Amino acid sequence: TFLNGLQELFVVIIGGTLIGLSLGYLSVVLFRQSEDPLSDILL
C-alpha cells in the first residue's frame, strides 16, 4: 500500500541516518585517541 511504502521509506532512511551518526561520532572519539595516520586510514 501507499502508506506502507511511505512508512518503509521513512524507516530505512531514518535508520540509515542513525547508524551513520553513531559510527561517525564513534570514529570521532577514536580519532582523538590515535596519532597514527595509518591507523586512522584503517578506521
Full PDB file with SEQRES, HELIX, SHEET, SSBOND, CRYST1, ORIGX, SCALE, CONECT and MASTER records, all heavy atoms in Angstrom:
SEQRES   1 A   43  THR PHE LEU ASN GLY LEU GLN GLU LEU PHE VAL VAL ILE          
SEQRES   2 A   43  ILE GLY GLY THR LEU ILE GLY LEU SER LEU GLY TYR LEU          
SEQRES   3 A   43  SER VAL VAL LEU PHE ARG GLN SER GLU ASP PRO LEU SER          
SEQRES   4 A   43  ASP ILE LEU LEU                                              
HELIX    1 AA1 PHE A    2  GLN A   33  1                                  32    
HELIX    2 AA2 PRO A   37  LEU A   42  1                                   6    
CRYST1    1.000    1.000    1.000  90.00  90.00  90.00 P 1           1          
ORIGX1      1.000000  0.000000  0.000000        0.00000                         
ORIGX2      0.000000  1.000000  0.000000        0.00000                         
ORIGX3      0.000000  0.000000  1.000000        0.00000                         
SCALE1      1.000000  0.000000  0.000000        0.00000                         
SCALE2      0.000000  1.000000  0.000000        0.00000                         
SCALE3      0.000000  0.000000  1.000000        0.00000                         
ATOM      1  N   THR A   1       0.834  -1.196   0.000  1.00  0.00           N  
ATOM      2  CA  THR A   1       0.000   0.000   0.000  1.00  0.00           C  
ATOM      3  C   THR A   1       0.872   1.251   0.000  1.00  0.00           C  
ATOM      4  O   THR A   1       2.045   1.216   0.356  1.00  0.00           O  
ATOM      5  CB  THR A   1      -0.914   0.030   1.238  1.00  0.00           C  
ATOM      6  OG1 THR A   1      -0.101   0.143   2.413  1.00  0.00           O  
ATOM      7  CG2 THR A   1      -1.750  -1.243   1.312  1.00  0.00           C  
ATOM      8  N   PHE A   2       0.258   2.360  -0.389  1.00  0.00           N  
ATOM      9  CA  PHE A   2       0.995   3.619  -0.456  1.00  0.00           C  
ATOM     10  C   PHE A   2       1.509   4.020   0.921  1.00  0.00           C  
ATOM     11  O   PHE A   2       2.661   4.442   1.076  1.00  0.00           O  
ATOM     12  CB  PHE A   2       0.076   4.707  -1.032  1.00  0.00           C  
ATOM     13  CG  PHE A   2       0.718   6.060  -1.108  1.00  0.00           C  
ATOM     14  CD1 PHE A   2       1.688   6.333  -2.069  1.00  0.00           C  
ATOM     15  CD2 PHE A   2       0.367   7.071  -0.207  1.00  0.00           C  
ATOM     16  CE1 PHE A   2       2.291   7.585  -2.140  1.00  0.00           C  
ATOM     17  CE2 PHE A   2       0.961   8.318  -0.278  1.00  0.00           C  
ATOM     18  CZ  PHE A   2       1.926   8.569  -1.247  1.00  0.00           C  
ATOM     19  N   LEU A   3       0.645   3.888   1.945  1.00  0.00           N  
ATOM     20  CA  LEU A   3       1.052   4.270   3.297  1.00  0.00           C  
ATOM     21  C   LEU A   3       2.164   3.365   3.821  1.00  0.00           C  
ATOM     22  O   LEU A   3       3.106   3.824   4.474  1.00  0.00           O  
ATOM     23  CB  LEU A   3      -0.157   4.218   4.243  1.00  0.00           C  
ATOM     24  CG  LEU A   3      -1.193   5.336   4.056  1.00  0.00           C  
ATOM     25  CD1 LEU A   3      -2.364   5.145   5.011  1.00  0.00           C  
ATOM     26  CD2 LEU A   3      -0.554   6.703   4.266  1.00  0.00           C  
ATOM     27  N   ASN A   4       2.064   2.070   3.529  1.00  0.00           N  
ATOM     28  CA  ASN A   4       3.122   1.151   3.953  1.00  0.00           C  
ATOM     29  C   ASN A   4       4.435   1.480   3.256  1.00  0.00           C  
ATOM     30  O   ASN A   4       5.517   1.365   3.852  1.00  0.00           O  
ATOM     31  CB  ASN A   4       2.721  -0.299   3.664  1.00  0.00           C  
ATOM     32  CG  ASN A   4       1.664  -0.803   4.631  1.00  0.00           C  
ATOM     33  OD1 ASN A   4       1.488  -0.237   5.706  1.00  0.00           O  
ATOM     34  ND2 ASN A   4       0.953  -1.851   4.240  1.00  0.00           N  
ATOM     35  N   GLY A   5       4.336   1.859   1.982  1.00  0.00           N  
ATOM     36  CA  GLY A   5       5.536   2.235   1.244  1.00  0.00           C  
ATOM     37  C   GLY A   5       6.197   3.462   1.834  1.00  0.00           C  
ATOM     38  O   GLY A   5       7.418   3.511   2.005  1.00  0.00           O  
ATOM     39  N   LEU A   6       5.381   4.483   2.177  1.00  0.00           N  
ATOM     40  CA  LEU A   6       5.931   5.689   2.798  1.00  0.00           C  
ATOM     41  C   LEU A   6       6.552   5.382   4.159  1.00  0.00           C  
ATOM     42  O   LEU A   6       7.613   5.893   4.510  1.00  0.00           O  
ATOM     43  CB  LEU A   6       4.834   6.738   2.968  1.00  0.00           C  
ATOM     44  CG  LEU A   6       4.405   7.517   1.721  1.00  0.00           C  
ATOM     45  CD1 LEU A   6       3.304   8.514   2.074  1.00  0.00           C  
ATOM     46  CD2 LEU A   6       5.589   8.243   1.099  1.00  0.00           C  
ATOM     47  N   GLN A   7       5.871   4.513   4.910  1.00  0.00           N  
ATOM     48  CA  GLN A   7       6.389   4.150   6.229  1.00  0.00           C  
ATOM     49  C   GLN A   7       7.728   3.438   6.111  1.00  0.00           C  
ATOM     50  O   GLN A   7       8.681   3.732   6.846  1.00  0.00           O  
ATOM     51  CB  GLN A   7       5.381   3.252   6.946  1.00  0.00           C  
ATOM     52  CG  GLN A   7       5.818   2.859   8.354  1.00  0.00           C  
ATOM     53  CD  GLN A   7       4.794   1.965   9.040  1.00  0.00           C  
ATOM     54  OE1 GLN A   7       3.757   1.654   8.476  1.00  0.00           O  
ATOM     55  NE2 GLN A   7       5.078   1.558  10.265  1.00  0.00           N  
ATOM     56  N   GLU A   8       7.825   2.497   5.167  1.00  0.00           N  
ATOM     57  CA  GLU A   8       9.083   1.777   4.979  1.00  0.00           C  
ATOM     58  C   GLU A   8      10.185   2.718   4.494  1.00  0.00           C  
ATOM     59  O   GLU A   8      11.337   2.625   4.937  1.00  0.00           O  
ATOM     60  CB  GLU A   8       8.880   0.634   3.987  1.00  0.00           C  
ATOM     61  CG  GLU A   8      10.101  -0.257   3.847  1.00  0.00           C  
ATOM     62  CD  GLU A   8       9.820  -1.501   3.015  1.00  0.00           C  
ATOM     63  OE1 GLU A   8       8.629  -1.823   2.803  1.00  0.00           O  
ATOM     64  OE2 GLU A   8      10.794  -2.135   2.569  1.00  0.00           O  
ATOM     65  N   LEU A   9       9.820   3.633   3.602  1.00  0.00           N  
ATOM     66  CA  LEU A   9      10.797   4.610   3.103  1.00  0.00           C  
ATOM     67  C   LEU A   9      11.331   5.457   4.260  1.00  0.00           C  
ATOM     68  O   LEU A   9      12.545   5.679   4.373  1.00  0.00           O  
ATOM     69  CB  LEU A   9      10.129   5.502   2.060  1.00  0.00           C  
ATOM     70  CG  LEU A   9      11.014   6.502   1.312  1.00  0.00           C  
ATOM     71  CD1 LEU A   9      12.002   5.783   0.420  1.00  0.00           C  
ATOM     72  CD2 LEU A   9      10.153   7.457   0.477  1.00  0.00           C  
ATOM     73  N   PHE A  10      10.437   5.900   5.117  1.00  0.00           N  
ATOM     74  CA  PHE A  10      10.833   6.713   6.265  1.00  0.00           C  
ATOM     75  C   PHE A  10      11.736   5.928   7.210  1.00  0.00           C  
ATOM     76  O   PHE A  10      12.775   6.427   7.668  1.00  0.00           O  
ATOM     77  CB  PHE A  10       9.577   7.188   6.997  1.00  0.00           C  
ATOM     78  CG  PHE A  10       9.857   8.017   8.229  1.00  0.00           C  
ATOM     79  CD1 PHE A  10      10.212   9.347   8.121  1.00  0.00           C  
ATOM     80  CD2 PHE A  10       9.765   7.449   9.495  1.00  0.00           C  
ATOM     81  CE1 PHE A  10      10.472  10.109   9.248  1.00  0.00           C  
ATOM     82  CE2 PHE A  10      10.023   8.201  10.632  1.00  0.00           C  
ATOM     83  CZ  PHE A  10      10.376   9.531  10.511  1.00  0.00           C  
ATOM     84  N   VAL A  11      11.364   4.682   7.490  1.00  0.00           N  
ATOM     85  CA  VAL A  11      12.121   3.869   8.445  1.00  0.00           C  
ATOM     86  C   VAL A  11      13.536   3.602   7.943  1.00  0.00           C  
ATOM     87  O   VAL A  11      14.518   3.741   8.689  1.00  0.00           O  
ATOM     88  CB  VAL A  11      11.387   2.544   8.737  1.00  0.00           C  
ATOM     89  CG1 VAL A  11      12.295   1.577   9.499  1.00  0.00           C  
ATOM     90  CG2 VAL A  11      10.120   2.801   9.532  1.00  0.00           C  
ATOM     91  N   VAL A  12      13.685   3.225   6.680  1.00  0.00           N  
ATOM     92  CA  VAL A  12      15.016   2.863   6.179  1.00  0.00           C  
ATOM     93  C   VAL A  12      15.924   4.091   6.088  1.00  0.00           C  
ATOM     94  O   VAL A  12      17.130   3.990   6.319  1.00  0.00           O  
ATOM     95  CB  VAL A  12      14.931   2.148   4.813  1.00  0.00           C  
ATOM     96  CG1 VAL A  12      14.198   0.825   4.927  1.00  0.00           C  
ATOM     97  CG2 VAL A  12      14.271   3.014   3.756  1.00  0.00           C  
ATOM     98  N   ILE A  13      15.344   5.258   5.776  1.00  0.00           N  
ATOM     99  CA  ILE A  13      16.169   6.468   5.701  1.00  0.00           C  
ATOM    100  C   ILE A  13      16.577   6.926   7.099  1.00  0.00           C  
ATOM    101  O   ILE A  13      17.754   7.225   7.350  1.00  0.00           O  
ATOM    102  CB  ILE A  13      15.419   7.581   4.947  1.00  0.00           C  
ATOM    103  CG1 ILE A  13      15.265   7.207   3.467  1.00  0.00           C  
ATOM    104  CG2 ILE A  13      16.162   8.904   5.075  1.00  0.00           C  
ATOM    105  CD1 ILE A  13      14.453   8.187   2.654  1.00  0.00           C  
ATOM    106  N   ILE A  14      15.623   6.977   8.025  1.00  0.00           N  
ATOM    107  CA  ILE A  14      15.940   7.388   9.397  1.00  0.00           C  
ATOM    108  C   ILE A  14      16.888   6.382  10.043  1.00  0.00           C  
ATOM    109  O   ILE A  14      17.845   6.759  10.741  1.00  0.00           O  
ATOM    110  CB  ILE A  14      14.656   7.531  10.235  1.00  0.00           C  
ATOM    111  CG1 ILE A  14      13.784   8.663   9.675  1.00  0.00           C  
ATOM    112  CG2 ILE A  14      15.009   7.803  11.705  1.00  0.00           C  
ATOM    113  CD1 ILE A  14      14.460  10.019   9.679  1.00  0.00           C  
ATOM    114  N   GLY A  15      16.642   5.097   9.805  1.00  0.00           N  
ATOM    115  CA  GLY A  15      17.529   4.071  10.355  1.00  0.00           C  
ATOM    116  C   GLY A  15      18.949   4.203   9.841  1.00  0.00           C  
ATOM    117  O   GLY A  15      19.921   4.128  10.610  1.00  0.00           O  
ATOM    118  N   GLY A  16      19.098   4.438   8.541  1.00  0.00           N  
ATOM    119  CA  GLY A  16      20.430   4.634   7.969  1.00  0.00           C  
ATOM    120  C   GLY A  16      21.102   5.866   8.531  1.00  0.00           C  
ATOM    121  O   GLY A  16      22.315   5.866   8.801  1.00  0.00           O  
ATOM    122  N   THR A  17      20.312   6.946   8.734  1.00  0.00           N  
ATOM    123  CA  THR A  17      20.872   8.173   9.307  1.00  0.00           C  
ATOM    124  C   THR A  17      21.397   7.942  10.717  1.00  0.00           C  
ATOM    125  O   THR A  17      22.497   8.392  11.070  1.00  0.00           O  
ATOM    126  CB  THR A  17      19.794   9.279   9.330  1.00  0.00           C  
ATOM    127  OG1 THR A  17      19.340   9.512   7.991  1.00  0.00           O  
ATOM    128  CG2 THR A  17      20.352  10.571   9.910  1.00  0.00           C  
ATOM    129  N   LEU A  18      20.636   7.225  11.544  1.00  0.00           N  
ATOM    130  CA  LEU A  18      21.050   6.958  12.929  1.00  0.00           C  
ATOM    131  C   LEU A  18      22.313   6.111  12.982  1.00  0.00           C  
ATOM    132  O   LEU A  18      23.223   6.367  13.786  1.00  0.00           O  
ATOM    133  CB  LEU A  18      19.911   6.273  13.692  1.00  0.00           C  
ATOM    134  CG  LEU A  18      18.667   7.140  13.944  1.00  0.00           C  
ATOM    135  CD1 LEU A  18      17.578   6.312  14.622  1.00  0.00           C  
ATOM    136  CD2 LEU A  18      19.020   8.358  14.781  1.00  0.00           C  
ATOM    137  N   ILE A  19      22.397   5.102  12.120  1.00  0.00           N  
ATOM    138  CA  ILE A  19      23.604   4.266  12.095  1.00  0.00           C  
ATOM    139  C   ILE A  19      24.806   5.088  11.639  1.00  0.00           C  
ATOM    140  O   ILE A  19      25.903   4.994  12.203  1.00  0.00           O  
ATOM    141  CB  ILE A  19      23.385   3.045  11.173  1.00  0.00           C  
ATOM    142  CG1 ILE A  19      22.384   2.090  11.812  1.00  0.00           C  
ATOM    143  CG2 ILE A  19      24.710   2.323  10.898  1.00  0.00           C  
ATOM    144  CD1 ILE A  19      21.981   0.942  10.940  1.00  0.00           C  
ATOM    145  N   GLY A  20      24.619   5.913  10.629  1.00  0.00           N  
ATOM    146  CA  GLY A  20      25.711   6.767  10.161  1.00  0.00           C  
ATOM    147  C   GLY A  20      26.185   7.728  11.235  1.00  0.00           C  
ATOM    148  O   GLY A  20      27.393   7.911  11.432  1.00  0.00           O  
ATOM    149  N   LEU A  21      25.236   8.333  11.958  1.00  0.00           N  
ATOM    150  CA  LEU A  21      25.609   9.248  13.045  1.00  0.00           C  
ATOM    151  C   LEU A  21      26.358   8.505  14.151  1.00  0.00           C  
ATOM    152  O   LEU A  21      27.364   8.995  14.676  1.00  0.00           O  
ATOM    153  CB  LEU A  21      24.355   9.910  13.625  1.00  0.00           C  
ATOM    154  CG  LEU A  21      23.686  10.998  12.773  1.00  0.00           C  
ATOM    155  CD1 LEU A  21      22.355  11.421  13.387  1.00  0.00           C  
ATOM    156  CD2 LEU A  21      24.600  12.208  12.618  1.00  0.00           C  
ATOM    157  N   SER A  22      25.878   7.325  14.504  1.00  0.00           N  
ATOM    158  CA  SER A  22      26.507   6.556  15.587  1.00  0.00           C  
ATOM    159  C   SER A  22      27.944   6.196  15.239  1.00  0.00           C  
ATOM    160  O   SER A  22      28.877   6.439  16.028  1.00  0.00           O  
ATOM    161  CB  SER A  22      25.698   5.287  15.867  1.00  0.00           C  
ATOM    162  OG  SER A  22      24.366   5.602  16.230  1.00  0.00           O  
ATOM    163  N   LEU A  23      28.153   5.626  14.054  1.00  0.00           N  
ATOM    164  CA  LEU A  23      29.506   5.225  13.671  1.00  0.00           C  
ATOM    165  C   LEU A  23      30.396   6.441  13.417  1.00  0.00           C  
ATOM    166  O   LEU A  23      31.598   6.417  13.702  1.00  0.00           O  
ATOM    167  CB  LEU A  23      29.457   4.332  12.430  1.00  0.00           C  
ATOM    168  CG  LEU A  23      28.875   2.931  12.648  1.00  0.00           C  
ATOM    169  CD1 LEU A  23      28.857   2.149  11.341  1.00  0.00           C  
ATOM    170  CD2 LEU A  23      29.670   2.172  13.686  1.00  0.00           C  
ATOM    171  N   GLY A  24      29.808   7.502  12.873  1.00  0.00           N  
ATOM    172  CA  GLY A  24      30.593   8.709  12.624  1.00  0.00           C  
ATOM    173  C   GLY A  24      31.127   9.308  13.912  1.00  0.00           C  
ATOM    174  O   GLY A  24      32.325   9.613  14.019  1.00  0.00           O  
ATOM    175  N   TYR A  25      30.251   9.469  14.904  1.00  0.00           N  
ATOM    176  CA  TYR A  25      30.698  10.067  16.169  1.00  0.00           C  
ATOM    177  C   TYR A  25      31.581   9.110  16.962  1.00  0.00           C  
ATOM    178  O   TYR A  25      32.463   9.557  17.714  1.00  0.00           O  
ATOM    179  CB  TYR A  25      29.497  10.518  16.989  1.00  0.00           C  
ATOM    180  CG  TYR A  25      28.968  11.854  16.535  1.00  0.00           C  
ATOM    181  CD1 TYR A  25      27.808  11.949  15.759  1.00  0.00           C  
ATOM    182  CD2 TYR A  25      29.639  13.033  16.844  1.00  0.00           C  
ATOM    183  CE1 TYR A  25      27.328  13.177  15.320  1.00  0.00           C  
ATOM    184  CE2 TYR A  25      29.171  14.262  16.412  1.00  0.00           C  
ATOM    185  CZ  TYR A  25      28.017  14.340  15.647  1.00  0.00           C  
ATOM    186  OH  TYR A  25      27.567  15.554  15.203  1.00  0.00           O  
ATOM    187  N   LEU A  26      31.377   7.808  16.815  1.00  0.00           N  
ATOM    188  CA  LEU A  26      32.291   6.849  17.448  1.00  0.00           C  
ATOM    189  C   LEU A  26      33.695   7.001  16.871  1.00  0.00           C  
ATOM    190  O   LEU A  26      34.693   6.973  17.611  1.00  0.00           O  
ATOM    191  CB  LEU A  26      31.780   5.423  17.231  1.00  0.00           C  
ATOM    192  CG  LEU A  26      32.698   4.298  17.744  1.00  0.00           C  
ATOM    193  CD1 LEU A  26      32.882   4.401  19.254  1.00  0.00           C  
ATOM    194  CD2 LEU A  26      32.125   2.934  17.360  1.00  0.00           C  
ATOM    195  N   SER A  27      33.778   7.189  15.573  1.00  0.00           N  
ATOM    196  CA  SER A  27      35.093   7.371  14.947  1.00  0.00           C  
ATOM    197  C   SER A  27      35.748   8.675  15.410  1.00  0.00           C  
ATOM    198  O   SER A  27      36.967   8.746  15.544  1.00  0.00           O  
ATOM    199  CB  SER A  27      34.967   7.361  13.421  1.00  0.00           C  
ATOM    200  OG  SER A  27      34.302   8.521  12.948  1.00  0.00           O  
ATOM    201  N   VAL A  28      34.924   9.720  15.653  1.00  0.00           N  
ATOM    202  CA  VAL A  28      35.472  10.983  16.156  1.00  0.00           C  
ATOM    203  C   VAL A  28      36.165  10.758  17.500  1.00  0.00           C  
ATOM    204  O   VAL A  28      37.272  11.264  17.746  1.00  0.00           O  
ATOM    205  CB  VAL A  28      34.354  12.041  16.288  1.00  0.00           C  
ATOM    206  CG1 VAL A  28      34.870  13.273  17.019  1.00  0.00           C  
ATOM    207  CG2 VAL A  28      33.819  12.434  14.915  1.00  0.00           C  
ATOM    208  N   VAL A  29      35.531   9.978  18.374  1.00  0.00           N  
ATOM    209  CA  VAL A  29      36.126   9.666  19.682  1.00  0.00           C  
ATOM    210  C   VAL A  29      37.439   8.911  19.500  1.00  0.00           C  
ATOM    211  O   VAL A  29      38.443   9.190  20.174  1.00  0.00           O  
ATOM    212  CB  VAL A  29      35.143   8.836  20.535  1.00  0.00           C  
ATOM    213  CG1 VAL A  29      35.811   8.394  21.842  1.00  0.00           C  
ATOM    214  CG2 VAL A  29      33.885   9.650  20.835  1.00  0.00           C  
ATOM    215  N   LEU A  30      37.452   7.959  18.569  1.00  0.00           N  
ATOM    216  CA  LEU A  30      38.662   7.161  18.348  1.00  0.00           C  
ATOM    217  C   LEU A  30      39.774   7.988  17.707  1.00  0.00           C  
ATOM    218  O   LEU A  30      40.956   7.751  17.968  1.00  0.00           O  
ATOM    219  CB  LEU A  30      38.334   5.945  17.483  1.00  0.00           C  
ATOM    220  CG  LEU A  30      37.370   4.933  18.132  1.00  0.00           C  
ATOM    221  CD1 LEU A  30      37.019   3.818  17.150  1.00  0.00           C  
ATOM    222  CD2 LEU A  30      37.982   4.347  19.396  1.00  0.00           C  
ATOM    223  N   PHE A  31      39.402   8.958  16.863  1.00  0.00           N  
ATOM    224  CA  PHE A  31      40.414   9.844  16.272  1.00  0.00           C  
ATOM    225  C   PHE A  31      41.195  10.580  17.357  1.00  0.00           C  
ATOM    226  O   PHE A  31      42.398  10.803  17.233  1.00  0.00           O  
ATOM    227  CB  PHE A  31      39.762  10.862  15.333  1.00  0.00           C  
ATOM    228  CG  PHE A  31      39.536  10.351  13.937  1.00  0.00           C  
ATOM    229  CD1 PHE A  31      38.296  10.483  13.335  1.00  0.00           C  
ATOM    230  CD2 PHE A  31      40.555   9.744  13.221  1.00  0.00           C  
ATOM    231  CE1 PHE A  31      38.072  10.022  12.053  1.00  0.00           C  
ATOM    232  CE2 PHE A  31      40.341   9.275  11.934  1.00  0.00           C  
ATOM    233  CZ  PHE A  31      39.096   9.406  11.352  1.00  0.00           C  
ATOM    234  N   ARG A  32      40.499  10.977  18.413  1.00  0.00           N  
ATOM    235  CA  ARG A  32      41.143  11.724  19.487  1.00  0.00           C  
ATOM    236  C   ARG A  32      42.174  10.872  20.231  1.00  0.00           C  
ATOM    237  O   ARG A  32      43.103  11.412  20.831  1.00  0.00           O  
ATOM    238  CB  ARG A  32      40.092  12.231  20.469  1.00  0.00           C  
ATOM    239  CG  ARG A  32      39.178  13.301  19.873  1.00  0.00           C  
ATOM    240  CD  ARG A  32      38.038  13.622  20.812  1.00  0.00           C  
ATOM    241  NE  ARG A  32      37.124  14.621  20.222  1.00  0.00           N  
ATOM    242  CZ  ARG A  32      35.881  14.807  20.620  1.00  0.00           C  
ATOM    243  NH1 ARG A  32      35.391  14.071  21.610  1.00  0.00           N  
ATOM    244  NH2 ARG A  32      35.128  15.721  20.039  1.00  0.00           N  
ATOM    245  N   GLN A  33      41.998   9.533  20.190  1.00  0.00           N  
ATOM    246  CA  GLN A  33      42.920   8.657  20.903  1.00  0.00           C  
ATOM    247  C   GLN A  33      44.097   8.216  20.037  1.00  0.00           C  
ATOM    248  O   GLN A  33      45.046   7.618  20.534  1.00  0.00           O  
ATOM    249  CB  GLN A  33      42.167   7.395  21.384  1.00  0.00           C  
ATOM    250  CG  GLN A  33      40.852   7.665  22.082  1.00  0.00           C  
ATOM    251  CD  GLN A  33      40.991   8.537  23.301  1.00  0.00           C  
ATOM    252  OE1 GLN A  33      41.937   8.377  24.067  1.00  0.00           O  
ATOM    253  NE2 GLN A  33      40.062   9.475  23.483  1.00  0.00           N  
ATOM    254  N   SER A  34      44.025   8.488  18.735  1.00  0.00           N  
ATOM    255  CA  SER A  34      45.040   7.970  17.806  1.00  0.00           C  
ATOM    256  C   SER A  34      45.901   9.110  17.256  1.00  0.00           C  
ATOM    257  O   SER A  34      45.402  10.195  16.976  1.00  0.00           O  
ATOM    258  CB  SER A  34      44.366   7.233  16.644  1.00  0.00           C  
ATOM    259  OG  SER A  34      45.304   6.897  15.646  1.00  0.00           O  
ATOM    260  N   GLU A  35      47.188   8.822  17.105  1.00  0.00           N  
ATOM    261  CA  GLU A  35      48.099   9.776  16.484  1.00  0.00           C  
ATOM    262  C   GLU A  35      48.825   9.157  15.294  1.00  0.00           C  
ATOM    263  O   GLU A  35      49.802   9.703  14.803  1.00  0.00           O  
ATOM    264  CB  GLU A  35      49.126  10.265  17.515  1.00  0.00           C  
ATOM    265  CG  GLU A  35      48.505  11.041  18.665  1.00  0.00           C  
ATOM    266  CD  GLU A  35      49.536  11.544  19.660  1.00  0.00           C  
ATOM    267  OE1 GLU A  35      50.731  11.240  19.457  1.00  0.00           O  
ATOM    268  OE2 GLU A  35      49.155  12.227  20.623  1.00  0.00           O  
ATOM    269  N   ASP A  36      48.346   8.006  14.858  1.00  0.00           N  
ATOM    270  CA  ASP A  36      48.977   7.281  13.751  1.00  0.00           C  
ATOM    271  C   ASP A  36      48.095   7.388  12.511  1.00  0.00           C  
ATOM    272  O   ASP A  36      46.965   6.881  12.508  1.00  0.00           O  
ATOM    273  CB  ASP A  36      49.175   5.813  14.138  1.00  0.00           C  
ATOM    274  CG  ASP A  36      49.782   5.007  13.000  1.00  0.00           C  
ATOM    275  OD1 ASP A  36      50.368   5.614  12.076  1.00  0.00           O  
ATOM    276  OD2 ASP A  36      49.669   3.764  13.028  1.00  0.00           O  
ATOM    277  N   PRO A  37      48.560   8.055  11.452  1.00  0.00           N  
ATOM    278  CA  PRO A  37      47.716   8.216  10.254  1.00  0.00           C  
ATOM    279  C   PRO A  37      47.334   6.903   9.592  1.00  0.00           C  
ATOM    280  O   PRO A  37      46.250   6.788   9.024  1.00  0.00           O  
ATOM    281  CB  PRO A  37      48.583   9.080   9.323  1.00  0.00           C  
ATOM    282  CG  PRO A  37      49.976   8.975   9.839  1.00  0.00           C  
ATOM    283  CD  PRO A  37      49.853   8.755  11.309  1.00  0.00           C  
ATOM    284  N   LEU A  38      48.204   5.877   9.673  1.00  0.00           N  
ATOM    285  CA  LEU A  38      47.876   4.591   9.063  1.00  0.00           C  
ATOM    286  C   LEU A  38      46.730   3.913   9.812  1.00  0.00           C  
ATOM    287  O   LEU A  38      45.839   3.300   9.198  1.00  0.00           O  
ATOM    288  CB  LEU A  38      49.112   3.687   9.038  1.00  0.00           C  
ATOM    289  CG  LEU A  38      50.293   4.220   8.209  1.00  0.00           C  
ATOM    290  CD1 LEU A  38      51.456   3.232   8.246  1.00  0.00           C  
ATOM    291  CD2 LEU A  38      49.871   4.486   6.771  1.00  0.00           C  
ATOM    292  N   SER A  39      46.739   4.035  11.139  1.00  0.00           N  
ATOM    293  CA  SER A  39      45.624   3.501  11.925  1.00  0.00           C  
ATOM    294  C   SER A  39      44.334   4.258  11.620  1.00  0.00           C  
ATOM    295  O   SER A  39      43.248   3.670  11.562  1.00  0.00           O  
ATOM    296  CB  SER A  39      45.936   3.590  13.422  1.00  0.00           C  
ATOM    297  OG  SER A  39      47.073   2.829  13.748  1.00  0.00           O  
ATOM    298  N   ASP A  40      44.459   5.558  11.401  1.00  0.00           N  
ATOM    299  CA  ASP A  40      43.283   6.360  11.066  1.00  0.00           C  
ATOM    300  C   ASP A  40      42.706   5.958   9.714  1.00  0.00           C  
ATOM    301  O   ASP A  40      41.479   5.972   9.521  1.00  0.00           O  
ATOM    302  CB  ASP A  40      43.648   7.846  11.055  1.00  0.00           C  
ATOM    303  CG  ASP A  40      43.936   8.379  12.453  1.00  0.00           C  
ATOM    304  OD1 ASP A  40      43.495   7.742  13.428  1.00  0.00           O  
ATOM    305  OD2 ASP A  40      44.626   9.417  12.570  1.00  0.00           O  
ATOM    306  N   ILE A  41      43.569   5.590   8.785  1.00  0.00           N  
ATOM    307  CA  ILE A  41      43.084   5.108   7.481  1.00  0.00           C  
ATOM    308  C   ILE A  41      42.269   3.837   7.671  1.00  0.00           C  
ATOM    309  O   ILE A  41      41.167   3.688   7.114  1.00  0.00           O  
ATOM    310  CB  ILE A  41      44.271   4.852   6.523  1.00  0.00           C  
ATOM    311  CG1 ILE A  41      44.866   6.183   6.036  1.00  0.00           C  
ATOM    312  CG2 ILE A  41      43.813   4.026   5.314  1.00  0.00           C  
ATOM    313  CD1 ILE A  41      46.110   6.013   5.191  1.00  0.00           C  
ATOM    314  N   LEU A  42      42.799   2.899   8.454  1.00  0.00           N  
ATOM    315  CA  LEU A  42      42.068   1.658   8.720  1.00  0.00           C  
ATOM    316  C   LEU A  42      40.725   1.954   9.380  1.00  0.00           C  
ATOM    317  O   LEU A  42      39.708   1.310   9.065  1.00  0.00           O  
ATOM    318  CB  LEU A  42      42.901   0.735   9.609  1.00  0.00           C  
ATOM    319  CG  LEU A  42      44.197   0.189   8.996  1.00  0.00           C  
ATOM    320  CD1 LEU A  42      44.921  -0.693  10.004  1.00  0.00           C  
ATOM    321  CD2 LEU A  42      43.898  -0.615   7.726  1.00  0.00           C  
ATOM    322  N   LEU A  43      40.709   2.923  10.287  1.00  0.00           N  
ATOM    323  CA  LEU A  43      39.463   3.278  10.968  1.00  0.00           C  
ATOM    324  C   LEU A  43      38.430   3.805   9.976  1.00  0.00           C  
ATOM    325  O   LEU A  43      37.253   3.410  10.023  1.00  0.00           O  
ATOM    326  CB  LEU A  43      39.748   4.328  12.044  1.00  0.00           C  
ATOM    327  CG  LEU A  43      38.527   4.911  12.773  1.00  0.00           C  
ATOM    328  CD1 LEU A  43      37.740   3.819  13.469  1.00  0.00           C  
ATOM    329  CD2 LEU A  43      38.963   5.995  13.764  1.00  0.00           C  
TER     330      LEU A  43                                                      
MASTER        0    0    0    2    0    0    0    6  329    1    0    4          
END                                                                             
